[in-house]
Amino acid sequence: MLAKIGAGVLSIGVLVGLFFSVMAADFTFQANTFAMGGSNSQVVAAAQLMAAHLSGPRAQDYGTDFPQAVVHYWASVCPEQGTDPTKGCFLDWQSGTTCLAHPDWLRAAEALHTSCGLQCVLFVTGAYALANQTLPAAGNAVDFWGLYQKQMGWKEVPAGGGLPAPGDLMVWSDEAKFVGEPFGHIAVVLSVTPPSAGQDGSVMFAEANGPGPVVTQDIAPDLFVRTWQHYTVLGYIRSPQASGGANISTRVQRISQLDPAQYNSQAEYNTWAYSACSTAVITELLDALGGHYRIHDVLAVESARGDITPQLGLVGDAAFADTADQFGVQTTWGHTLTYDQLISRALGGTPVAVSFPPDRYAGGHLLIVVGGNAAMVLVVDSSAHNYQELSRAQFLQWWGGFAATVAPRAIAGGGQLPNSPYVALARANAAAAGIPSDLFVKQIDVESGFIPNALSPAGAEGIAQFEPGTAAALGINPWDPVQALRAVAQLMASYVGTYGGDYGKALAAYNFGPGNAAQGTGLAGALQRCGAQWFSCLPAETQNYIDSILGGP
């Protein structure tokens, strides 16, 4: 499992026009890369394809049927340097049989204290390259753990602290006095079976320079891997392109409810900071699903809907779902999960919000369960306590039985979003305007299906279906999707602010018009006539419009 990178540095990404600088002294490099596509599923497929063509006792041999795109990539990033095979990383991608056929190569490998054949680092970098992704740093296998601690967008999941996800880089350290050199090992995770009911789970990974091209090892209930003697799994490195099917529990990042930057003003902070644990939990869950929210964003909706007060915090269990569901997710909640079921859900990749009611925990509290085992619970906690691990006994003493999970709600009508570049632009404009991006994308999908030249029978124009007079008043060309999306996001943000964060009313104002109370027109007229029952006073068309985006008023 030796994973030394030749006598130099592996330079990933030359094929995609990188600018990089080599620091040979510590066998690392840093690269500034262009944005690339890709997902964990693509890395898994690439690693499986490569592993299927490896052979030999250490999975270091390959023939002419090996994916040639990877071979060309290796030849570009690790070319032969003159007559000295010890220079660079040329030897690290050679097939074992080819290497053994060259006595000078074999002597060079021995001089470098490595084996003759494909190395594990070249395997994983080749898999990422074949998947059209770019690793921003590389070195000896064990060095990856340090190199990726501060890589923008990358996440490290320590062994024992969470489960791996398909496509992760799995990193080992080793005991040099037994193994020979402290180079460690690295592989690509293919699949994961979580531990359950006190029984081991497993992780399957693809590798080179190991016992085989595909290996399965057990994951104990404490989430540590039962691996080879003299080796220790340090953890898993997750790319920014991780697919939506990845373990969401490992994506949950703590937000402090006492962080002033999470609020829009000192007054908002003073009013809500010590009662906003439910707000922080919803924000953390939304962001784990790919959102980019602050506590303020969720609080504006939660307080406007009466789901939270400064004195009580969350006013009831149903209030949690009422707020969360306004952000394009479907909340499932209740009091039926057992402790073991709760832990199993979290280990399976679904973070679970739980509450500690006031009769069990002073003042009451909510936090998120992200893992654990039969003896302890791993949690993400927004309070000043910053609980991270609770014993089973302590957790059960505080937990009142409430548990809630959130998942992305299907697009209106059950279909998929169109393959349009304007979907990403809509999300960007929503984020810039400070409104929920998922709801805004649904709104535009309902309006026009993201068709820039859409024209309704009533004369509404373009991707945002502006009335000609409205577009003229805003000073934009409704047929220009860039102008229209920016304008409608800003208009929706103004409506959300006008109606105290109530997105349903903002949608009503957009579809039916804000109106005039004195004249009894638009939303203003519905509010004047029906008060809290305003939704029932809207035209059926507007009610259906709101339902198709929010699932209800």
Protein backbone atom coordinates (compact mmCIF):
# COMPACT_ATOMS: atom_id res chain seq x y z
CA MET A 1 0.00 0.00 0.00
CA LEU A 2 2.97 2.29 -0.35
CA ALA A 3 1.85 5.55 -1.88
CA LYS A 4 4.92 7.68 -2.34
CA ILE A 5 4.73 10.05 -5.32
CA GLY A 6 7.96 9.33 -7.14
CA ALA A 7 10.66 11.76 -6.15
CA GLY A 8 8.65 14.82 -7.02
CA VAL A 9 5.12 16.09 -7.17
CA LEU A 10 1.96 14.93 -8.90
CA SER A 11 0.66 17.85 -10.99
CA ILE A 12 -3.05 17.31 -11.51
CA GLY A 13 -5.01 19.10 -14.18
CA VAL A 14 -2.57 20.10 -16.92
CA LEU A 15 -5.10 18.93 -19.48
CA VAL A 16 -7.65 21.54 -18.39
CA GLY A 17 -5.40 24.58 -18.56
CA LEU A 18 -4.29 24.94 -14.98
CA PHE A 19 -1.77 27.37 -13.61
CA PHE A 20 0.14 25.59 -10.90
CA SER A 21 3.25 25.90 -8.80
CA VAL A 22 5.22 22.94 -7.53
CA MET A 23 6.66 22.81 -4.03
CA ALA A 24 8.84 19.73 -4.17
CA ALA A 25 10.13 20.07 -0.63
CA ASP A 26 6.92 18.81 0.92
CA PHE A 27 5.47 16.93 -2.04
CA THR A 28 2.43 19.16 -2.50
CA PHE A 29 1.05 21.44 -5.12
CA GLN A 30 -1.73 23.98 -5.27
CA ALA A 31 -3.71 24.71 -8.42
CA ASN A 32 -6.08 27.41 -9.58
CA THR A 33 -8.60 25.59 -11.73
CA PHE A 34 -11.44 26.53 -13.98
CA ALA A 35 -14.89 25.45 -12.74
CA MET A 36 -15.57 21.89 -13.74
CA GLY A 37 -18.72 19.77 -13.78
CA GLY A 38 -19.13 16.33 -12.27
CA SER A 39 -20.66 14.51 -9.34
CA ASN A 40 -19.85 11.71 -6.92
CA SER A 41 -21.75 9.24 -9.09
CA GLN A 42 -19.44 10.08 -11.99
CA VAL A 43 -16.35 9.50 -9.83
CA VAL A 44 -17.78 6.14 -8.70
CA ALA A 45 -18.43 5.11 -12.31
CA ALA A 46 -14.91 6.14 -13.33
CA ALA A 47 -13.30 4.26 -10.45
CA GLN A 48 -15.35 1.14 -11.18
CA LEU A 49 -14.35 1.25 -14.85
CA MET A 50 -10.67 1.59 -14.00
CA ALA A 51 -10.77 -1.09 -11.31
CA ALA A 52 -12.34 -3.56 -13.75
CA HIS A 53 -9.17 -3.38 -15.87
CA LEU A 54 -6.62 -3.81 -13.06
CA SER A 55 -4.97 -7.11 -12.30
CA GLY A 56 -1.99 -8.62 -10.52
CA PRO A 57 -1.44 -9.46 -6.86
CA ARG A 58 -1.44 -5.76 -5.88
CA ALA A 59 -3.91 -4.43 -8.50
CA GLN A 60 -1.03 -2.58 -10.19
CA ASP A 61 -1.12 -4.15 -13.66
CA TYR A 62 -3.18 -3.08 -16.66
CA GLY A 63 -3.17 -3.70 -20.39
CA THR A 64 -4.15 -1.97 -23.60
CA ASP A 65 -7.86 -2.32 -22.73
CA PHE A 66 -7.43 0.08 -19.81
CA PRO A 67 -9.27 3.44 -20.38
CA GLN A 68 -6.87 5.28 -22.67
CA ALA A 69 -8.18 8.69 -21.65
CA VAL A 70 -6.70 8.06 -18.20
CA VAL A 71 -3.38 6.85 -19.63
CA HIS A 72 -3.12 9.97 -21.80
CA TYR A 73 -3.92 12.08 -18.76
CA TRP A 74 -1.19 10.43 -16.69
CA ALA A 75 1.31 10.83 -19.53
CA SER A 76 0.53 14.56 -19.64
CA VAL A 77 0.74 15.25 -15.91
CA CYS A 78 3.57 12.81 -15.15
CA PRO A 79 5.76 12.64 -18.28
CA GLU A 80 9.08 10.86 -18.49
CA GLN A 81 11.85 13.28 -17.61
CA GLY A 82 15.01 12.47 -19.53
CA THR A 83 16.83 9.25 -18.75
CA ASP A 84 16.36 9.38 -14.98
CA PRO A 85 13.18 7.44 -14.05
CA THR A 86 13.42 8.60 -10.42
CA LYS A 87 12.45 12.13 -11.42
CA GLY A 88 8.81 13.18 -11.20
CA CYS A 89 5.93 10.72 -10.98
CA PHE A 90 6.42 8.90 -14.29
CA LEU A 91 6.95 5.51 -12.62
CA ASP A 92 3.82 5.84 -10.50
CA TRP A 93 1.43 5.25 -13.39
CA GLN A 94 3.29 2.49 -15.19
CA SER A 95 1.74 -0.97 -15.26
CA GLY A 96 3.53 -3.40 -12.99
CA THR A 97 4.32 -5.81 -15.82
CA THR A 98 5.75 -2.97 -17.94
CA CYS A 99 7.80 -1.69 -15.05
CA LEU A 100 9.26 -5.10 -14.30
CA ALA A 101 10.32 -5.43 -17.93
CA HIS A 102 12.62 -2.39 -17.51
CA PRO A 103 15.48 -3.16 -15.10
CA ASP A 104 16.32 0.52 -14.72
CA TRP A 105 12.72 1.29 -13.77
CA LEU A 106 12.72 -1.52 -11.23
CA ARG A 107 15.96 -0.25 -9.68
CA ALA A 108 14.48 3.27 -9.58
CA ALA A 109 11.37 2.03 -7.77
CA GLU A 110 13.53 0.25 -5.22
CA ALA A 111 15.57 3.41 -4.72
CA LEU A 112 12.34 5.31 -4.05
CA HIS A 113 11.19 2.67 -1.54
CA THR A 114 8.05 1.97 -3.54
CA SER A 115 6.64 -0.89 -5.54
CA CYS A 116 6.89 -1.18 -9.30
CA GLY A 117 3.47 -0.51 -10.79
CA LEU A 118 0.41 1.74 -10.59
CA GLN A 119 0.23 3.68 -7.31
CA CYS A 120 -2.90 4.45 -5.32
CA VAL A 121 -2.59 8.24 -5.67
CA LEU A 122 -2.42 7.99 -9.46
CA PHE A 123 -5.49 5.75 -9.37
CA VAL A 124 -7.65 8.25 -7.47
CA THR A 125 -6.45 11.27 -9.44
CA GLY A 126 -7.09 9.36 -12.66
CA ALA A 127 -10.62 8.51 -11.53
CA TYR A 128 -11.39 12.14 -10.78
CA ALA A 129 -9.91 13.23 -14.11
CA LEU A 130 -11.95 10.63 -16.00
CA ALA A 131 -15.05 11.97 -14.20
CA ASN A 132 -14.20 15.46 -15.50
CA GLN A 133 -13.36 16.79 -12.04
CA THR A 134 -10.12 18.34 -10.86
CA LEU A 135 -8.31 17.61 -7.61
CA PRO A 136 -6.89 20.92 -6.36
CA ALA A 137 -4.03 19.34 -4.40
CA ALA A 138 -2.15 16.05 -4.21
CA GLY A 139 0.86 14.51 -2.51
CA ASN A 140 1.66 11.26 -0.79
CA ALA A 141 -1.55 9.45 0.14
CA VAL A 142 -1.47 10.30 3.84
CA ASP A 143 -0.77 13.96 2.99
CA PHE A 144 -4.23 14.35 1.44
CA TRP A 145 -5.76 14.58 4.91
CA GLY A 146 -3.77 17.71 5.71
CA LEU A 147 -3.97 19.19 2.22
CA TYR A 148 -7.77 19.22 2.12
CA GLN A 149 -8.50 20.61 5.57
CA LYS A 150 -8.79 24.14 4.17
CA GLN A 151 -9.57 23.50 0.52
CA MET A 152 -12.54 25.70 -0.41
CA GLY A 153 -15.71 23.67 -0.74
CA TRP A 154 -14.14 20.35 0.27
CA LYS A 155 -15.20 18.61 3.46
CA GLU A 156 -13.38 16.11 5.65
CA VAL A 157 -15.34 13.55 7.65
CA PRO A 158 -13.11 11.99 10.33
CA ALA A 159 -13.44 8.25 10.88
CA GLY A 160 -15.77 7.73 13.82
CA GLY A 161 -17.45 11.07 13.19
CA GLY A 162 -19.65 10.13 10.25
CA LEU A 163 -20.12 7.76 7.35
CA PRO A 164 -18.38 7.91 3.97
CA ALA A 165 -20.35 8.67 0.80
CA PRO A 166 -19.84 7.18 -2.68
CA GLY A 167 -17.12 9.10 -4.50
CA ASP A 168 -15.30 10.18 -1.34
CA LEU A 169 -11.53 9.86 -1.08
CA MET A 170 -10.79 7.38 1.72
CA VAL A 171 -7.44 8.04 3.43
CA TRP A 172 -5.26 5.80 5.61
CA SER A 173 -2.17 6.41 7.72
CA ASP A 174 0.25 3.60 8.50
CA GLU A 175 2.84 2.57 11.05
CA ALA A 176 6.13 3.12 9.25
CA LYS A 177 8.14 0.77 11.43
CA PHE A 178 5.95 -2.12 10.27
CA VAL A 179 5.00 -1.03 6.76
CA GLY A 180 8.32 0.47 5.64
CA GLU A 181 7.49 4.10 4.82
CA PRO A 182 4.84 6.47 6.23
CA PHE A 183 3.11 7.12 2.91
CA GLY A 184 -0.36 5.84 3.86
CA HIS A 185 -2.98 4.75 1.36
CA ILE A 186 -5.90 6.29 -0.55
CA ALA A 187 -8.90 4.89 -2.44
CA VAL A 188 -12.28 5.89 -3.90
CA VAL A 189 -15.43 4.90 -1.98
CA LEU A 190 -17.89 2.96 -4.16
CA SER A 191 -20.73 2.12 -1.77
CA VAL A 192 -21.65 2.18 1.92
CA THR A 193 -23.89 0.06 4.15
CA PRO A 194 -24.48 1.85 7.51
CA PRO A 195 -24.21 -0.10 10.77
CA SER A 196 -27.63 -0.96 12.20
CA ALA A 197 -29.02 -2.38 15.42
CA GLY A 198 -25.54 -2.88 16.85
CA GLN A 199 -24.33 -4.80 13.78
CA ASP A 200 -21.40 -3.80 11.56
CA GLY A 201 -21.94 -2.01 8.29
CA SER A 202 -19.44 -1.92 5.43
CA VAL A 203 -17.63 0.29 2.94
CA MET A 204 -16.59 -0.86 -0.55
CA PHE A 205 -13.76 1.00 -2.27
CA ALA A 206 -11.67 0.88 -5.45
CA GLU A 207 -7.88 1.14 -5.31
CA ALA A 208 -4.50 0.37 -6.82
CA ASN A 209 -1.49 -1.00 -4.94
CA GLY A 210 -3.63 -2.83 -2.42
CA PRO A 211 -5.03 -6.33 -1.83
CA GLY A 212 -7.34 -6.02 -4.84
CA PRO A 213 -8.95 -3.51 -7.21
CA VAL A 214 -12.20 -3.59 -5.19
CA VAL A 215 -12.16 -4.23 -1.45
CA THR A 216 -14.86 -4.28 1.25
CA GLN A 217 -14.14 -3.56 4.92
CA ASP A 218 -16.45 -3.51 7.93
CA ILE A 219 -17.66 -0.33 9.64
CA ALA A 220 -18.23 -0.86 13.37
CA PRO A 221 -21.24 0.67 15.16
CA ASP A 222 -18.90 3.39 16.50
CA LEU A 223 -18.24 4.28 12.81
CA PHE A 224 -14.57 3.28 12.86
CA VAL A 225 -13.39 1.00 10.05
CA ARG A 226 -12.00 -2.46 10.76
CA THR A 227 -9.08 -2.18 8.38
CA TRP A 228 -5.70 -3.80 7.78
CA GLN A 229 -3.19 -4.37 10.55
CA HIS A 230 -0.83 -1.42 11.06
CA TYR A 231 -3.17 0.87 9.08
CA THR A 232 -5.72 3.38 10.38
CA VAL A 233 -8.49 5.05 8.39
CA LEU A 234 -8.18 8.78 9.00
CA GLY A 235 -11.48 9.60 7.30
CA TYR A 236 -13.14 10.64 4.07
CA ILE A 237 -12.63 13.68 1.83
CA ARG A 238 -15.76 14.90 0.04
CA SER A 239 -15.70 17.05 -3.08
CA PRO A 240 -17.79 20.20 -3.67
CA GLN A 241 -19.47 18.37 -6.56
CA ALA A 242 -20.92 15.74 -4.21
CA SER A 243 -24.17 14.53 -5.66
CA GLY A 244 -27.60 15.05 -4.16
CA GLY A 245 -27.63 11.39 -3.17
CA ALA A 246 -24.75 11.88 -0.75
CA ASN A 247 -25.07 11.49 3.01
CA ILE A 248 -26.93 14.65 4.07
CA SER A 249 -26.12 14.04 7.74
CA THR A 250 -22.47 14.75 7.03
CA ARG A 251 -23.35 18.03 5.29
CA VAL A 252 -24.95 19.65 8.32
CA GLN A 253 -22.80 22.59 9.42
CA ARG A 254 -23.33 24.25 12.79
CA ILE A 255 -24.75 27.78 12.85
CA SER A 256 -24.52 29.66 16.13
CA GLN A 257 -27.80 31.30 17.04
CA LEU A 258 -25.70 33.80 19.04
CA ASP A 259 -23.74 34.96 16.00
CA PRO A 260 -24.74 38.59 15.24
CA ALA A 261 -23.82 38.05 11.58
CA GLN A 262 -26.82 35.72 11.30
CA TYR A 263 -29.19 38.65 11.92
CA ASN A 264 -30.00 41.78 9.94
CA SER A 265 -29.75 44.23 12.82
CA GLN A 266 -28.78 44.55 16.46
CA ALA A 267 -32.45 44.92 17.29
CA GLU A 268 -33.30 41.63 15.58
CA TYR A 269 -30.44 39.94 17.41
CA ASN A 270 -31.51 41.34 20.77
CA THR A 271 -35.08 40.19 20.23
CA TRP A 272 -34.52 36.69 18.91
CA ALA A 273 -31.00 35.35 19.54
CA TYR A 274 -31.83 33.39 22.69
CA SER A 275 -35.07 31.88 21.37
CA ALA A 276 -34.04 31.06 17.78
CA CYS A 277 -32.87 27.47 18.20
CA SER A 278 -35.68 26.19 15.94
CA THR A 279 -34.75 28.84 13.38
CA ALA A 280 -31.12 27.76 13.46
CA VAL A 281 -32.08 24.10 13.05
CA ILE A 282 -34.26 24.82 10.00
CA THR A 283 -31.49 26.98 8.52
CA GLU A 284 -28.88 24.26 9.06
CA LEU A 285 -31.12 21.65 7.41
CA LEU A 286 -31.94 23.86 4.44
CA ASP A 287 -28.26 24.65 3.89
CA ALA A 288 -27.36 20.96 4.13
CA LEU A 289 -29.75 20.41 1.23
CA GLY A 290 -27.92 23.04 -0.82
CA GLY A 291 -29.48 26.29 0.39
CA HIS A 292 -27.60 29.45 1.30
CA TYR A 293 -29.65 30.91 4.14
CA ARG A 294 -28.98 32.85 7.31
CA ILE A 295 -31.07 32.71 10.47
CA HIS A 296 -32.60 36.04 9.42
CA ASP A 297 -34.04 34.54 6.23
CA VAL A 298 -35.86 31.76 8.07
CA LEU A 299 -36.80 33.95 11.01
CA ALA A 300 -38.59 36.42 8.72
CA VAL A 301 -40.92 33.63 7.61
CA GLU A 302 -41.18 31.86 10.97
CA SER A 303 -42.12 35.00 12.90
CA ALA A 304 -44.49 36.30 10.23
CA ARG A 305 -46.41 33.03 10.30
CA GLY A 306 -46.66 33.12 14.09
CA ASP A 307 -44.60 29.96 14.48
CA ILE A 308 -42.17 31.53 16.95
CA THR A 309 -42.24 34.18 19.68
CA PRO A 310 -39.36 35.74 21.64
CA GLN A 311 -40.86 34.44 24.87
CA LEU A 312 -41.72 30.85 23.88
CA GLY A 313 -39.46 30.14 20.97
CA LEU A 314 -41.16 27.57 18.69
CA VAL A 315 -44.85 27.65 19.60
CA GLY A 316 -45.56 24.00 18.81
CA ASP A 317 -44.37 20.91 16.99
CA ALA A 318 -46.49 21.60 13.90
CA ALA A 319 -44.99 25.09 13.70
CA PHE A 320 -41.62 23.56 12.76
CA ALA A 321 -43.07 21.97 9.61
CA ASP A 322 -45.17 25.03 8.83
CA THR A 323 -42.05 27.20 8.57
CA ALA A 324 -39.74 24.68 6.92
CA ASP A 325 -42.26 23.84 4.22
CA GLN A 326 -42.32 27.45 3.04
CA PHE A 327 -38.81 26.90 1.67
CA GLY A 328 -39.64 24.21 -0.87
CA VAL A 329 -39.11 21.18 1.35
CA GLN A 330 -41.45 18.48 2.62
CA THR A 331 -41.28 17.99 6.38
CA THR A 332 -42.13 14.68 8.03
CA TRP A 333 -42.57 14.84 11.78
CA GLY A 334 -44.08 12.99 14.71
CA HIS A 335 -43.38 11.19 17.99
CA THR A 336 -43.11 7.57 16.80
CA LEU A 337 -39.37 7.01 16.31
CA THR A 338 -37.50 4.90 18.81
CA TYR A 339 -33.94 5.74 19.84
CA ASP A 340 -32.52 3.03 17.56
CA GLN A 341 -34.66 4.19 14.63
CA LEU A 342 -33.52 7.77 15.19
CA ILE A 343 -29.85 6.79 15.09
CA SER A 344 -30.41 4.55 12.07
CA ARG A 345 -32.02 7.43 10.13
CA ALA A 346 -29.11 9.74 10.93
CA LEU A 347 -26.48 7.13 10.05
CA GLY A 348 -28.36 6.41 6.83
CA GLY A 349 -27.79 9.99 5.72
CA THR A 350 -30.94 11.76 6.94
CA PRO A 351 -30.33 14.31 9.71
CA VAL A 352 -33.14 14.43 12.28
CA ALA A 353 -34.32 17.51 14.17
CA VAL A 354 -35.31 16.71 17.75
CA SER A 355 -36.72 18.79 20.60
CA PHE A 356 -36.04 18.90 24.31
CA PRO A 357 -39.32 20.22 25.80
CA PRO A 358 -39.27 22.70 28.73
CA ASP A 359 -40.44 20.08 31.23
CA ARG A 360 -37.30 18.05 30.45
CA TYR A 361 -34.78 20.76 29.56
CA ALA A 362 -34.77 24.24 31.10
CA GLY A 363 -36.30 26.66 28.59
CA GLY A 364 -36.67 23.96 25.92
CA HIS A 365 -34.34 23.42 22.99
CA LEU A 366 -34.02 21.95 19.47
CA LEU A 367 -30.97 20.48 17.77
CA ILE A 368 -30.05 18.00 15.02
CA VAL A 369 -29.01 14.36 15.35
CA VAL A 370 -26.43 13.43 12.70
CA GLY A 371 -25.11 10.08 13.96
CA GLY A 372 -24.36 7.93 16.95
CA ASN A 373 -24.49 4.37 18.18
CA ALA A 374 -26.08 2.34 20.97
CA ALA A 375 -24.26 4.35 23.64
CA MET A 376 -24.10 7.92 22.37
CA VAL A 377 -25.64 10.48 20.01
CA LEU A 378 -23.78 12.85 17.67
CA VAL A 379 -25.55 16.20 17.42
CA VAL A 380 -25.23 19.66 15.86
CA ASP A 381 -26.24 22.31 18.39
CA SER A 382 -26.68 26.05 17.77
CA SER A 383 -26.70 27.09 21.43
CA ALA A 384 -23.81 28.39 23.50
CA HIS A 385 -23.40 24.86 24.90
CA ASN A 386 -22.45 23.62 21.41
CA TYR A 387 -23.25 20.02 22.32
CA GLN A 388 -21.55 17.61 19.94
CA GLU A 389 -21.92 14.27 21.69
CA LEU A 390 -24.48 13.19 24.30
CA SER A 391 -24.66 9.89 26.13
CA ARG A 392 -27.70 7.77 25.39
CA ALA A 393 -28.91 8.20 28.96
CA GLN A 394 -28.61 11.98 28.88
CA PHE A 395 -30.26 12.24 25.48
CA LEU A 396 -33.22 10.10 26.50
CA GLN A 397 -33.63 12.14 29.68
CA TRP A 398 -33.98 15.35 27.63
CA TRP A 399 -35.66 14.12 24.44
CA GLY A 400 -39.44 14.43 24.40
CA GLY A 401 -39.95 12.16 21.39
CA PHE A 402 -40.42 14.83 18.69
CA ALA A 403 -38.43 14.09 15.54
CA ALA A 404 -38.59 15.80 12.14
CA THR A 405 -36.85 15.31 8.80
CA VAL A 406 -36.93 17.48 5.69
CA ALA A 407 -36.50 16.54 2.05
CA PRO A 408 -36.73 18.48 -1.21
CA ARG A 409 -40.32 18.72 -2.39
CA ALA A 410 -41.04 17.54 -5.92
CA ILE A 411 -41.33 20.27 -8.54
CA ALA A 412 -44.90 21.43 -9.12
CA GLY A 413 -46.83 18.82 -11.05
CA GLY A 414 -44.32 16.11 -10.11
CA GLY A 415 -42.08 16.85 -13.08
CA GLN A 416 -38.46 17.84 -13.41
CA LEU A 417 -37.05 21.28 -13.97
CA PRO A 418 -36.26 22.00 -17.62
CA ASN A 419 -32.70 21.73 -18.81
CA SER A 420 -32.25 25.48 -19.13
CA PRO A 421 -29.30 27.74 -18.28
CA TYR A 422 -31.84 30.18 -16.84
CA VAL A 423 -32.56 27.85 -13.88
CA ALA A 424 -29.13 28.61 -12.43
CA LEU A 425 -29.56 32.29 -13.23
CA ALA A 426 -32.90 32.31 -11.39
CA ARG A 427 -31.28 30.78 -8.33
CA ALA A 428 -28.51 33.37 -8.40
CA ASN A 429 -30.97 36.25 -8.69
CA ALA A 430 -33.08 34.87 -5.83
CA ALA A 431 -30.02 34.60 -3.60
CA ALA A 432 -28.97 38.14 -4.49
CA ALA A 433 -32.47 39.42 -3.66
CA GLY A 434 -32.61 37.50 -0.38
CA ILE A 435 -35.59 35.26 -1.19
CA PRO A 436 -35.83 31.42 -1.14
CA SER A 437 -34.21 30.20 -4.34
CA ASP A 438 -36.17 26.92 -4.50
CA LEU A 439 -39.51 28.74 -4.31
CA PHE A 440 -38.41 31.32 -6.85
CA VAL A 441 -37.32 28.62 -9.31
CA LYS A 442 -40.70 26.90 -8.89
CA GLN A 443 -42.45 30.20 -9.49
CA ILE A 444 -40.66 30.78 -12.79
CA ASP A 445 -41.26 27.17 -13.80
CA VAL A 446 -44.99 27.65 -13.20
CA GLU A 447 -44.98 31.00 -14.99
CA SER A 448 -43.25 29.98 -18.21
CA GLY A 449 -41.41 26.67 -17.88
CA PHE A 450 -38.27 28.83 -18.28
CA ILE A 451 -39.19 29.60 -21.91
CA PRO A 452 -37.81 33.11 -22.69
CA ASN A 453 -40.30 33.81 -25.49
CA ALA A 454 -43.44 32.55 -23.71
CA LEU A 455 -46.61 34.55 -24.45
CA SER A 456 -49.83 33.89 -22.53
CA PRO A 457 -53.32 34.24 -24.04
CA ALA A 458 -53.78 37.26 -21.75
CA GLY A 459 -50.67 38.91 -23.19
CA ALA A 460 -48.17 38.24 -20.37
CA GLU A 461 -44.69 38.25 -21.87
CA GLY A 462 -41.42 36.39 -21.50
CA ILE A 463 -39.81 34.11 -18.94
CA ALA A 464 -41.37 35.96 -15.97
CA GLN A 465 -44.74 36.57 -17.69
CA PHE A 466 -44.74 40.31 -17.03
CA GLU A 467 -47.71 42.38 -18.15
CA PRO A 468 -46.42 44.93 -20.70
CA GLY A 469 -47.35 47.83 -18.43
CA THR A 470 -45.54 46.31 -15.43
CA ALA A 471 -42.41 45.72 -17.50
CA ALA A 472 -42.50 49.29 -18.78
CA ALA A 473 -42.92 50.64 -15.25
CA LEU A 474 -39.89 48.64 -14.15
CA GLY A 475 -37.88 49.82 -17.14
CA ILE A 476 -37.03 46.35 -18.43
CA ASN A 477 -37.49 44.36 -21.63
CA PRO A 478 -39.70 41.38 -20.66
CA TRP A 479 -38.34 39.35 -23.58
CA ASP A 480 -34.79 39.60 -22.19
CA PRO A 481 -34.56 36.72 -19.67
CA VAL A 482 -31.55 38.24 -17.90
CA GLN A 483 -33.36 41.54 -17.28
CA ALA A 484 -36.66 39.83 -16.49
CA LEU A 485 -35.30 37.36 -13.92
CA ARG A 486 -33.39 40.07 -12.10
CA ALA A 487 -36.45 42.31 -12.05
CA VAL A 488 -38.91 39.67 -10.88
CA ALA A 489 -36.57 38.55 -8.08
CA GLN A 490 -36.28 42.12 -6.85
CA LEU A 491 -40.04 42.62 -7.15
CA MET A 492 -40.74 39.43 -5.18
CA ALA A 493 -38.25 40.52 -2.52
CA SER A 494 -40.13 43.82 -2.18
CA TYR A 495 -43.45 41.97 -1.81
CA VAL A 496 -41.96 39.58 0.79
CA GLY A 497 -40.81 42.60 2.77
CA THR A 498 -44.16 44.35 2.42
CA TYR A 499 -46.08 41.32 3.69
CA GLY A 500 -43.79 40.53 6.63
CA GLY A 501 -42.04 37.57 5.08
CA ASP A 502 -45.25 35.77 4.00
CA TYR A 503 -44.28 34.23 0.67
CA GLY A 504 -47.86 33.18 -0.04
CA LYS A 505 -49.02 36.79 0.07
CA ALA A 506 -46.04 37.84 -2.04
CA LEU A 507 -47.08 35.30 -4.69
CA ALA A 508 -50.65 36.54 -4.52
CA ALA A 509 -49.46 40.11 -5.07
CA TYR A 510 -47.43 39.02 -8.10
CA ASN A 511 -50.19 36.96 -9.68
CA PHE A 512 -53.29 38.93 -8.66
CA GLY A 513 -51.68 42.31 -8.11
CA PRO A 514 -51.06 44.14 -4.81
CA GLY A 515 -54.23 46.14 -5.44
CA ASN A 516 -55.76 48.96 -3.50
CA ALA A 517 -57.69 48.56 -0.25
CA ALA A 518 -59.87 51.62 -0.85
CA GLN A 519 -60.89 50.31 -4.26
CA GLY A 520 -61.15 46.71 -3.04
CA THR A 521 -58.81 45.43 -5.71
CA GLY A 522 -56.01 42.84 -5.73
CA LEU A 523 -54.54 41.33 -2.61
CA ALA A 524 -55.27 44.50 -0.63
CA GLY A 525 -58.97 44.04 -1.34
CA ALA A 526 -58.87 40.37 -0.30
CA LEU A 527 -57.14 41.28 2.96
CA GLN A 528 -59.68 44.03 3.65
CA ARG A 529 -62.69 41.83 2.99
CA CYS A 530 -61.54 38.59 4.57
CA GLY A 531 -58.73 39.36 6.99
CA ALA A 532 -57.04 36.16 8.15
CA GLN A 533 -59.10 34.21 5.59
CA TRP A 534 -57.64 36.27 2.73
CA PHE A 535 -56.68 33.18 0.75
CA SER A 536 -60.33 32.14 0.33
CA CYS A 537 -61.09 35.54 -1.19
CA LEU A 538 -58.56 35.19 -3.98
CA PRO A 539 -59.62 34.11 -7.48
CA ALA A 540 -59.39 30.35 -8.07
CA GLU A 541 -56.61 30.92 -10.58
CA THR A 542 -54.47 32.70 -7.98
CA GLN A 543 -55.24 30.06 -5.32
CA ASN A 544 -54.08 27.35 -7.73
CA TYR A 545 -51.00 29.40 -8.57
CA ILE A 546 -49.98 29.63 -4.91
CA ASP A 547 -50.83 25.98 -4.25
CA SER A 548 -48.68 24.83 -7.17
CA ILE A 549 -45.65 26.62 -5.71
CA LEU A 550 -46.15 26.32 -1.94
CA GLY A 551 -48.53 23.40 -1.67
CA GLY A 552 -50.98 25.63 0.22
CA PRO A 553 -51.45 29.18 1.51
